[in-house]
C-alpha atoms as a PDB file:
ATOM      1  CA  UNK A   1     100.144 120.032  68.502  1.00  0.00           C
ATOM      2  CA  UNK A   2      97.021 119.244  70.550  1.00  0.00           C
ATOM      3  CA  UNK A   3      96.787 115.848  72.226  1.00  0.00           C
ATOM      4  CA  UNK A   4      95.142 114.404  75.693  1.00  0.00           C
ATOM      5  CA  UNK A   5      97.738 116.594  77.977  1.00  0.00           C
ATOM      6  CA  UNK A   6      97.532 119.646  76.378  1.00  0.00           C
ATOM      7  CA  UNK A   7      95.351 120.939  79.249  1.00  0.00           C
ATOM      8  CA  UNK A   8      98.220 120.172  81.599  1.00  0.00           C
ATOM      9  CA  UNK A   9     100.905 121.266  79.404  1.00  0.00           C
ATOM     10  CA  UNK A  10      98.973 124.399  79.697  1.00  0.00           C
ATOM     11  CA  UNK A  11      99.978 124.279  83.764  1.00  0.00           C
ATOM     12  CA  UNK A  12     103.228 122.813  83.752  1.00  0.00           C
ATOM     13  CA  UNK A  13     104.823 123.118  80.416  1.00  0.00           C
ATOM     14  CA  UNK A  14     106.782 120.963  77.255  1.00  0.00           C
ATOM     15  CA  UNK A  15     109.652 120.129  80.030  1.00  0.00           C
ATOM     16  CA  UNK A  16     107.657 118.908  82.240  1.00  0.00           C
ATOM     17  CA  UNK A  17     105.256 116.931  80.174  1.00  0.00           C
ATOM     18  CA  UNK A  18     108.154 114.884  78.534  1.00  0.00           C
ATOM     19  CA  UNK A  19     109.210 114.585  82.338  1.00  0.00           C
ATOM     20  CA  UNK A  20     105.871 112.721  83.251  1.00  0.00           C
ATOM     21  CA  UNK A  21     105.927 110.607  79.939  1.00  0.00           C
ATOM     22  CA  UNK A  22     109.529 109.138  80.536  1.00  0.00           C
ATOM     23  CA  UNK A  23     109.043 108.272  84.273  1.00  0.00           C
ATOM     24  CA  UNK A  24     107.650 105.105  85.870  1.00  0.00           C
ATOM     25  CA  UNK A  25     105.544 104.764  89.193  1.00  0.00           C
ATOM     26  CA  UNK A  26     104.801 101.760  90.867  1.00  0.00           C
ATOM     27  CA  UNK A  27     101.530 101.820  92.503  1.00  0.00           C
ATOM     28  CA  UNK A  28     101.497  99.112  95.574  1.00  0.00           C
ATOM     29  CA  UNK A  29      97.219  98.632  96.016  1.00  0.00           C
ATOM     30  CA  UNK A  30      94.757  99.854  93.556  1.00  0.00           C
ATOM     31  CA  UNK A  31      91.825  99.797  95.370  1.00  0.00           C
ATOM     32  CA  UNK A  32      90.044 102.993  96.480  1.00  0.00           C
ATOM     33  CA  UNK A  33      92.510 104.738  97.415  1.00  0.00           C
ATOM     34  CA  UNK A  34      95.249 103.337  94.611  1.00  0.00           C
ATOM     35  CA  UNK A  35      92.513 102.825  92.157  1.00  0.00           C
ATOM     36  CA  UNK A  36      92.106 106.494  91.811  1.00  0.00           C
ATOM     37  CA  UNK A  37      95.794 106.978  91.562  1.00  0.00           C
ATOM     38  CA  UNK A  38      96.771 105.198  88.850  1.00  0.00           C
ATOM     39  CA  UNK A  39      93.415 106.826  86.943  1.00  0.00           C
ATOM     40  CA  UNK A  40      94.501 110.449  88.189  1.00  0.00           C
ATOM     41  CA  UNK A  41      98.510 109.489  86.729  1.00  0.00           C
ATOM     42  CA  UNK A  42      97.329 108.169  83.432  1.00  0.00           C
ATOM     43  CA  UNK A  43      95.377 111.257  82.993  1.00  0.00           C
ATOM     44  CA  UNK A  44      98.174 112.869  84.098  1.00  0.00           C
ATOM     45  CA  UNK A  45     100.511 111.343  81.271  1.00  0.00           C
ATOM     46  CA  UNK A  46     102.862 109.567  83.541  1.00  0.00           C
ATOM     47  CA  UNK A  47     104.820 107.264  80.436  1.00  0.00           C
ATOM     48  CA  UNK A  48     104.782 103.872  82.500  1.00  0.00           C
ATOM     49  CA  UNK A  49     102.883 102.290  85.315  1.00  0.00           C
ATOM     50  CA  UNK A  50     103.514  98.984  87.320  1.00  0.00           C
ATOM     51  CA  UNK A  51      99.986  97.929  89.152  1.00  0.00           C
ATOM     52  CA  UNK A  52      99.955  95.417  92.071  1.00  0.00           C
ATOM     53  CA  UNK A  53      97.394  93.690  93.127  1.00  0.00           C
ATOM     54  CA  UNK A  54      96.353  89.864  93.387  1.00  0.00           C
ATOM     55  CA  UNK A  55      92.641  90.963  94.321  1.00  0.00           C
ATOM     56  CA  UNK A  56      89.275  90.475  92.051  1.00  0.00           C
ATOM     57  CA  UNK A  57      86.507  92.825  91.941  1.00  0.00           C
ATOM     58  CA  UNK A  58      83.789  92.813  93.927  1.00  0.00           C
ATOM     59  CA  UNK A  59      80.507  93.971  94.419  1.00  0.00           C
ATOM     60  CA  UNK A  60      81.165  95.552  97.567  1.00  0.00           C
ATOM     61  CA  UNK A  61      83.926  97.554  95.947  1.00  0.00           C
ATOM     62  CA  UNK A  62      81.355  99.093  93.805  1.00  0.00           C
ATOM     63  CA  UNK A  63      80.769 102.053  96.152  1.00  0.00           C
ATOM     64  CA  UNK A  64      84.259 103.367  96.320  1.00  0.00           C
ATOM     65  CA  UNK A  65      86.491 102.006  93.740  1.00  0.00           C
ATOM     66  CA  UNK A  66      86.608 103.368  90.542  1.00  0.00           C
ATOM     67  CA  UNK A  67      87.382 100.194  88.230  1.00  0.00           C
ATOM     68  CA  UNK A  68      84.277  98.360  90.043  1.00  0.00           C
ATOM     69  CA  UNK A  69      81.208  98.402  87.989  1.00  0.00           C
ATOM     70  CA  UNK A  70      78.893  95.537  87.251  1.00  0.00           C
ATOM     71  CA  UNK A  71      81.076  94.583  84.589  1.00  0.00           C
ATOM     72  CA  UNK A  72      84.077  94.392  86.215  1.00  0.00           C
ATOM     73  CA  UNK A  73      82.899  92.327  88.788  1.00  0.00           C
ATOM     74  CA  UNK A  74      84.927  89.062  89.232  1.00  0.00           C
ATOM     75  CA  UNK A  75      87.654  90.188  86.855  1.00  0.00           C
ATOM     76  CA  UNK A  76      91.354  90.882  88.586  1.00  0.00           C
ATOM     77  CA  UNK A  77      92.078  94.275  89.267  1.00  0.00           C
ATOM     78  CA  UNK A  78      94.799  95.052  87.149  1.00  0.00           C
ATOM     79  CA  UNK A  79      93.751  93.492  84.278  1.00  0.00           C
ATOM     80  CA  UNK A  80      90.379  95.784  84.577  1.00  0.00           C
ATOM     81  CA  UNK A  81      92.971  99.048  85.327  1.00  0.00           C
ATOM     82  CA  UNK A  82      95.180  98.088  82.630  1.00  0.00           C
ATOM     83  CA  UNK A  83      92.528  98.309  79.775  1.00  0.00           C
ATOM     84  CA  UNK A  84      91.384 101.614  81.550  1.00  0.00           C
ATOM     85  CA  UNK A  85      94.935 103.160  81.368  1.00  0.00           C
ATOM     86  CA  UNK A  86      95.389 102.187  77.529  1.00  0.00           C
ATOM     87  CA  UNK A  87      91.692 103.416  77.102  1.00  0.00           C
ATOM     88  CA  UNK A  88      92.952 106.862  78.457  1.00  0.00           C
ATOM     89  CA  UNK A  89      96.781 106.667  76.981  1.00  0.00           C
ATOM     90  CA  UNK A  90      97.371 104.212  74.571  1.00  0.00           C
ATOM     91  CA  UNK A  91     101.097 104.857  74.720  1.00  0.00           C
ATOM     92  CA  UNK A  92     101.634 104.212  78.474  1.00  0.00           C
ATOM     93  CA  UNK A  93     103.388 101.143  79.032  1.00  0.00           C
ATOM     94  CA  UNK A  94     102.054  99.024  81.981  1.00  0.00           C
ATOM     95  CA  UNK A  95     103.261  96.416  83.970  1.00  0.00           C
ATOM     96  CA  UNK A  96     100.884  94.280  85.990  1.00  0.00           C
ATOM     97  CA  UNK A  97     101.015  92.104  88.903  1.00  0.00           C
ATOM     98  CA  UNK A  98      98.791  89.780  90.450  1.00  0.00           C
ATOM     99  CA  UNK A  99     100.860  89.771  93.584  1.00  0.00           C
ATOM    100  CA  UNK A 100      99.925  90.657  97.279  1.00  0.00           C
ATOM    101  CA  UNK A 101     102.573  92.466  98.723  1.00  0.00           C
ATOM    102  CA  UNK A 102     104.818  91.044 101.423  1.00  0.00           C
ATOM    103  CA  UNK A 103     108.534  90.458 102.107  1.00  0.00           C
ATOM    104  CA  UNK A 104     107.946  86.740 100.711  1.00  0.00           C
ATOM    105  CA  UNK A 105     107.402  88.530  97.026  1.00  0.00           C
ATOM    106  CA  UNK A 106     109.360  91.498  97.200  1.00  0.00           C
ATOM    107  CA  UNK A 107     111.833  89.781  94.840  1.00  0.00           C
ATOM    108  CA  UNK A 108     109.333  90.234  91.919  1.00  0.00           C
ATOM    109  CA  UNK A 109     110.305  93.875  92.270  1.00  0.00           C
ATOM    110  CA  UNK A 110     113.220  96.041  91.100  1.00  0.00           C
ATOM    111  CA  UNK A 111     112.672  99.323  92.810  1.00  0.00           C
ATOM    112  CA  UNK A 112     115.706 100.956  91.343  1.00  0.00           C
ATOM    113  CA  UNK A 113     113.622 101.078  88.089  1.00  0.00           C
ATOM    114  CA  UNK A 114     110.996 103.139  89.801  1.00  0.00           C
ATOM    115  CA  UNK A 115     110.596 107.357  89.586  1.00  0.00           C
ATOM    116  CA  UNK A 116     108.338 107.495  92.919  1.00  0.00           C
ATOM    117  CA  UNK A 117     106.389 104.573  94.754  1.00  0.00           C
ATOM    118  CA  UNK A 118     102.786 104.312  96.098  1.00  0.00           C
ATOM    119  CA  UNK A 119     101.868 102.538  98.924  1.00  0.00           C
ATOM    120  CA  UNK A 120      98.160 101.725  99.240  1.00  0.00           C
ATOM    121  CA  UNK A 121      98.131  98.313 100.608  1.00  0.00           C
ATOM    122  CA  UNK A 122      96.541  97.935 104.161  1.00  0.00           C
ATOM    123  CA  UNK A 123      99.137  95.063 105.625  1.00  0.00           C
ATOM    124  CA  UNK A 124     101.580  96.792 108.158  1.00  0.00           C
ATOM    125  CA  UNK A 125     104.140  94.094 107.424  1.00  0.00           C
ATOM    126  CA  UNK A 126     103.875  94.916 103.684  1.00  0.00           C
ATOM    127  CA  UNK A 127     103.577  98.632 103.776  1.00  0.00           C
ATOM    128  CA  UNK A 128     106.790  98.401 105.757  1.00  0.00           C
ATOM    129  CA  UNK A 129     108.788  96.646 103.197  1.00  0.00           C
ATOM    130  CA  UNK A 130     107.807  98.874 100.558  1.00  0.00           C
ATOM    131  CA  UNK A 131     108.794 101.835 102.398  1.00  0.00           C
ATOM    132  CA  UNK A 132     112.246 100.404 103.295  1.00  0.00           C
ATOM    133  CA  UNK A 133     112.937  99.224  99.876  1.00  0.00           C
ATOM    134  CA  UNK A 134     111.965 102.685  98.395  1.00  0.00           C
ATOM    135  CA  UNK A 135     114.273 104.318 100.855  1.00  0.00           C
ATOM    136  CA  UNK A 136     116.899 101.804 100.537  1.00  0.00           C
ATOM    137  CA  UNK A 137     117.414 102.831  96.639  1.00  0.00           C
ATOM    138  CA  UNK A 138     116.461 107.190  97.687  1.00  0.00           C
ATOM    139  CA  UNK A 139     113.512 106.492  95.387  1.00  0.00           C
ATOM    140  CA  UNK A 140     110.324 108.804  96.273  1.00  0.00           C
ATOM    141  CA  UNK A 141     107.478 107.106  98.214  1.00  0.00           C
ATOM    142  CA  UNK A 142     104.427 107.868  99.800  1.00  0.00           C
ATOM    143  CA  UNK A 143     101.679 106.292 101.866  1.00  0.00           C
ATOM    144  CA  UNK A 144      98.374 106.012 102.512  1.00  0.00           C
ATOM    145  CA  UNK A 145      97.048 105.998 105.836  1.00  0.00           C
ATOM    146  CA  UNK A 146      93.715 104.895 107.224  1.00  0.00           C
ATOM    147  CA  UNK A 147      91.245 105.872 104.928  1.00  0.00           C
ATOM    148  CA  UNK A 148      88.445 103.371 106.149  1.00  0.00           C
ATOM    149  CA  UNK A 149      85.688 104.460 108.774  1.00  0.00           C
ATOM    150  CA  UNK A 150      85.861 108.051 107.927  1.00  0.00           C
ATOM    151  CA  UNK A 151      83.143 109.952 106.100  1.00  0.00           C
ATOM    152  CA  UNK A 152      84.994 113.751 106.481  1.00  0.00           C
ATOM    153  CA  UNK A 153      87.216 113.815 103.065  1.00  0.00           C
ATOM    154  CA  UNK A 154      88.639 117.711 103.852  1.00  0.00           C
ATOM    155  CA  UNK A 155      90.116 116.434 106.714  1.00  0.00           C
ATOM    156  CA  UNK A 156      93.049 114.501 104.889  1.00  0.00           C
ATOM    157  CA  UNK A 157      96.921 116.266 104.812  1.00  0.00           C
ATOM    158  CA  UNK A 158      99.873 115.262 103.584  1.00  0.00           C
ATOM    159  CA  UNK A 159     102.473 115.107 106.184  1.00  0.00           C
ATOM    160  CA  UNK A 160     105.909 113.102 107.448  1.00  0.00           C
ATOM    161  CA  UNK A 161     104.939 110.493 109.937  1.00  0.00           C
ATOM    162  CA  UNK A 162     106.404 111.746 112.469  1.00  0.00           C
ATOM    163  CA  UNK A 163     103.776 114.532 112.158  1.00  0.00           C
ATOM    164  CA  UNK A 164     100.970 112.501 112.246  1.00  0.00           C
ATOM    165  CA  UNK A 165      98.028 111.792 115.558  1.00  0.00           C
ATOM    166  CA  UNK A 166      95.123 110.674 116.253  1.00  0.00           C
ATOM    167  CA  UNK A 167      95.361 107.710 113.017  1.00  0.00           C
ATOM    168  CA  UNK A 168      95.260 104.518 114.611  1.00  0.00           C
ATOM    169  CA  UNK A 169      97.196 103.319 111.034  1.00  0.00           C
ATOM    170  CA  UNK A 170      99.980 106.141 111.518  1.00  0.00           C
ATOM    171  CA  UNK A 171     100.435 105.141 115.090  1.00  0.00           C
ATOM    172  CA  UNK A 172     101.453 101.734 114.392  1.00  0.00           C
ATOM    173  CA  UNK A 173     103.507 103.448 111.292  1.00  0.00           C
ATOM    174  CA  UNK A 174     105.317 106.117 113.345  1.00  0.00           C
ATOM    175  CA  UNK A 175     106.012 103.240 115.949  1.00  0.00           C
ATOM    176  CA  UNK A 176     107.439 100.379 113.144  1.00  0.00           C
ATOM    177  CA  UNK A 177     109.451 103.289 111.199  1.00  0.00           C
ATOM    178  CA  UNK A 178     111.250 104.600 114.250  1.00  0.00           C
ATOM    179  CA  UNK A 179     112.632 100.828 115.255  1.00  0.00           C
ATOM    180  CA  UNK A 180     113.620 100.565 111.282  1.00  0.00           C
ATOM    181  CA  UNK A 181     115.597 103.920 111.846  1.00  0.00           C
ATOM    182  CA  UNK A 182     113.028 105.681 108.719  1.00  0.00           C
ATOM    183  CA  UNK A 183     113.501 109.053 109.705  1.00  0.00           C
ATOM    184  CA  UNK A 184     110.964 110.336 107.315  1.00  0.00           C
ATOM    185  CA  UNK A 185     108.011 109.122 105.278  1.00  0.00           C
ATOM    186  CA  UNK A 186     105.425 111.277 103.594  1.00  0.00           C
ATOM    187  CA  UNK A 187     101.930 110.065 104.167  1.00  0.00           C
ATOM    188  CA  UNK A 188      98.386 111.129 103.495  1.00  0.00           C
ATOM    189  CA  UNK A 189      96.617 110.988 106.633  1.00  0.00           C
ATOM    190  CA  UNK A 190      93.204 112.245 108.828  1.00  0.00           C
ATOM    191  CA  UNK A 191      92.758 113.354 112.382  1.00  0.00           C
ATOM    192  CA  UNK A 192      89.221 112.449 111.773  1.00  0.00           C
ATOM    193  CA  UNK A 193      88.924 109.847 114.659  1.00  0.00           C
ATOM    194  CA  UNK A 194      87.430 106.806 112.879  1.00  0.00           C
ATOM    195  CA  UNK A 195      83.821 105.627 113.370  1.00  0.00           C
ATOM    196  CA  UNK A 196      82.939 102.212 114.891  1.00  0.00           C
ATOM    197  CA  UNK A 197      80.684 100.172 112.004  1.00  0.00           C
ATOM    198  CA  UNK A 198      77.404  99.192 112.757  1.00  0.00           C
ATOM    199  CA  UNK A 199      77.169  95.754 113.801  1.00  0.00           C
ATOM    200  CA  UNK A 200      74.132  94.572 111.223  1.00  0.00           C
ATOM    201  CA  UNK A 201      74.946  90.795 110.160  1.00  0.00           C
ATOM    202  CA  UNK A 202      72.576  91.711 107.324  1.00  0.00           C
ATOM    203  CA  UNK A 203      75.048  93.210 105.175  1.00  0.00           C
ATOM    204  CA  UNK A 204      77.874  91.725 106.984  1.00  0.00           C
ATOM    205  CA  UNK A 205      80.599  89.854 104.296  1.00  0.00           C
ATOM    206  CA  UNK A 206      80.777  87.870 108.043  1.00  0.00           C
ATOM    207  CA  UNK A 207      77.729  86.012 106.935  1.00  0.00           C
ATOM    208  CA  UNK A 208      77.056  86.680 103.265  1.00  0.00           C
ATOM    209  CA  UNK A 209      80.098  86.905 101.521  1.00  0.00           C
ATOM    210  CA  UNK A 210      80.226  87.755  97.696  1.00  0.00           C
ATOM    211  CA  UNK A 211      83.783  87.383  96.816  1.00  0.00           C
ATOM    212  CA  UNK A 212      84.548  86.175  93.463  1.00  0.00           C
ATOM    213  CA  UNK A 213      85.344  82.381  92.932  1.00  0.00           C
ATOM    214  CA  UNK A 214      89.068  82.021  93.077  1.00  0.00           C
ATOM    215  CA  UNK A 215      89.710  84.757  95.883  1.00  0.00           C
ATOM    216  CA  UNK A 216      92.346  84.326  97.915  1.00  0.00           C
ATOM    217  CA  UNK A 217      91.704  86.412 100.957  1.00  0.00           C
ATOM    218  CA  UNK A 218      88.225  86.237 101.536  1.00  0.00           C
ATOM    219  CA  UNK A 219      86.773  89.211 103.650  1.00  0.00           C
ATOM    220  CA  UNK A 220      84.950  86.134 105.923  1.00  0.00           C
ATOM    221  CA  UNK A 221      89.314  85.848 106.846  1.00  0.00           C
ATOM    222  CA  UNK A 222      89.829  89.373 107.651  1.00  0.00           C
ATOM    223  CA  UNK A 223      90.221  90.841 111.033  1.00  0.00           C
ATOM    224  CA  UNK A 224      87.976  93.986 110.714  1.00  0.00           C
ATOM    225  CA  UNK A 225      85.867  94.838 107.682  1.00  0.00           C
ATOM    226  CA  UNK A 226      85.980  98.632 107.655  1.00  0.00           C
ATOM    227  CA  UNK A 227      83.381 101.153 106.262  1.00  0.00           C
ATOM    228  CA  UNK A 228      84.009 103.090 103.710  1.00  0.00           C
ATOM    229  CA  UNK A 229      82.722 105.653 101.084  1.00  0.00           C
ATOM    230  CA  UNK A 230      82.804 106.688  97.266  1.00  0.00           C
ATOM    231  CA  UNK A 231      84.363 110.559  98.333  1.00  0.00           C
ATOM    232  CA  UNK A 232      87.237 109.570 101.052  1.00  0.00           C
ATOM    233  CA  UNK A 233      88.991 106.538  99.143  1.00  0.00           C
ATOM    234  CA  UNK A 234      88.780 108.786  96.209  1.00  0.00           C
ATOM    235  CA  UNK A 235      90.134 111.655  97.968  1.00  0.00           C
ATOM    236  CA  UNK A 236      93.072 110.284  99.353  1.00  0.00           C
ATOM    237  CA  UNK A 237      94.276 108.901  96.106  1.00  0.00           C
ATOM    238  CA  UNK A 238      93.786 111.864  94.096  1.00  0.00           C
ATOM    239  CA  UNK A 239      95.807 113.913  96.716  1.00  0.00           C
ATOM    240  CA  UNK A 240      98.616 111.318  96.008  1.00  0.00           C
ATOM    241  CA  UNK A 241      98.701 111.442  92.354  1.00  0.00           C
ATOM    242  CA  UNK A 242      98.922 115.442  92.926  1.00  0.00           C
ATOM    243  CA  UNK A 243     102.244 115.166  95.430  1.00  0.00           C
ATOM    244  CA  UNK A 244     103.577 112.852  92.661  1.00  0.00           C
ATOM    245  CA  UNK A 245     103.109 115.008  89.534  1.00  0.00           C
ATOM    246  CA  UNK A 246     104.219 118.016  91.625  1.00  0.00           C
ATOM    247  CA  UNK A 247     107.406 116.261  93.111  1.00  0.00           C
ATOM    248  CA  UNK A 248     108.267 115.003  89.720  1.00  0.00           C
ATOM    249  CA  UNK A 249     107.959 118.609  87.750  1.00  0.00           C
ATOM    250  CA  UNK A 250     109.049 120.517  90.467  1.00  0.00           C
ATOM    251  CA  UNK A 251     112.555 121.658  88.720  1.00  0.00           C
ATOM    252  CA  UNK A 252     110.077 122.766  86.109  1.00  0.00           C
ATOM    253  CA  UNK A 253     108.293 125.237  87.722  1.00  0.00           C
ATOM    254  CA  UNK A 254     108.938 128.379  89.600  1.00  0.00           C
END
């Protein structure tokens, strides 16, 4: 029967689509990278999504986040994303968490429920906790490395964390993964050297904060405010989604 995923089924087959419909994926962080990952997973027929982010949509998110529009400013990102997912696939089971993922909040999540985990958050401590929890239960996990301050989307690739270079975040993650005995980790990273953002106070969040009321972690409190584009985080998010779909359906493909 013709449905919204028929064109995908022409490539993967019915058994693969049934597998996707029966899969639950957790996406930690639904900003520039994670938002596009969620979008592509929903459009690929994933049957259940857990989306985790405590942030609200901000004016400065519009340049790169698929859920960010003038109409969604001030709304919780997970609420906007949930509505969008259900506009795409009303049958998708969505659980939202207005949570900033850290060791202190990890008990809210049962990783044994997940068929795949996406780490699309910025903090090293949170990233490592996600990865460790997934690895303990042999749940596949993929982690986004630095997408900020980059302008060349063609430089991003999928690799093991120990095969990465150049990326400052990947360097930190290599060191921390080695300390914790994590012997492998699939990541998306770029060898493009980060650009140093302009120090233009006329457009800096440091002096002109536009965070919505009630925002807990304001830009004014961040150590660094990276520059960003519409076409880099989106590519990273779509690469991640592609890896998940292909990994979940590989048993059905020749």
